[in-house]
């Protein structure tokens, strides 16, 4: 595993700008790598996240070097997704599409088939509202029935993503570039403190019910899959994340601060800001 590195910027804006430039340069480097037999790499696989970790995507096309990227060989995945309808603004994939991916597709540079979204909730708004109301019921049996419905859908979504990962990348898939953010509570992807999903070791993806952060239904890659990414980047900005960052750096594999489980094989970098590292 790569040694953890910390890069500290004066503020969030510069962190995002630098992240966009690093993204472009890293893609160029990965696409230019030669295989042991001297051949060219056929593809580079990138996993995206939402929130501040997605913001550098909006600056990528302004970089003149982005024109040199062979987007036909870049595949996009997600570290996690909110299990909501496909057109819901909470979708991480929708955010990434608006920031970068849809423009690449429209320009004929990126095949739509290179975008590997996690499943969306295809139920009607009325169905979702009814089940979620039952999930908050005072009646334990009603809550249990609603949870069972949601758990079944989440499990199917997680299994479908696992199948796509193994179909595309083989029986032990590894992402080339994993881009993550950390929440104020120390969570990453949709692996939260106090939830058992961070400890799951025999799956590639899991469903997450009752997320402490809205929306409550999610799908997430697992800690082992994230940890075997070749390059893993974290973006963490804001004074509200300072304490969690200190705990993450102090003790690895601490379920109380799930981001402490992350790692990277060739590179493991935290991009942060001065106000975020005050407790290190």
Foldseek 3Di string as FASTA:
>chain_A
DDDEAEAADAALVVLLCVVLVVVLVVLVVQQQDADPVRHTDQAAEEAAEDDSLLSSLLCNVVDPSNVVHQQQRYAYHYQKFFQAAPPDPRTRVVVNCVRHVVVCVVVVRHPPVSYDYQDHHPDDPVVVVVLVVQCPDPDPVSVVVSVVVLQVVQAVRQVVSQVVQCVVANPQRAHQEYTWEADLQQDIHQQAQPDCQQVDDPGQKGWAACRVDPPGTMMGGYLVRQQAHAEYEYEYEDLSNQVLVVVLVVDAPDSSRSNSSHHHNNYHYYYYYPSNPPPD
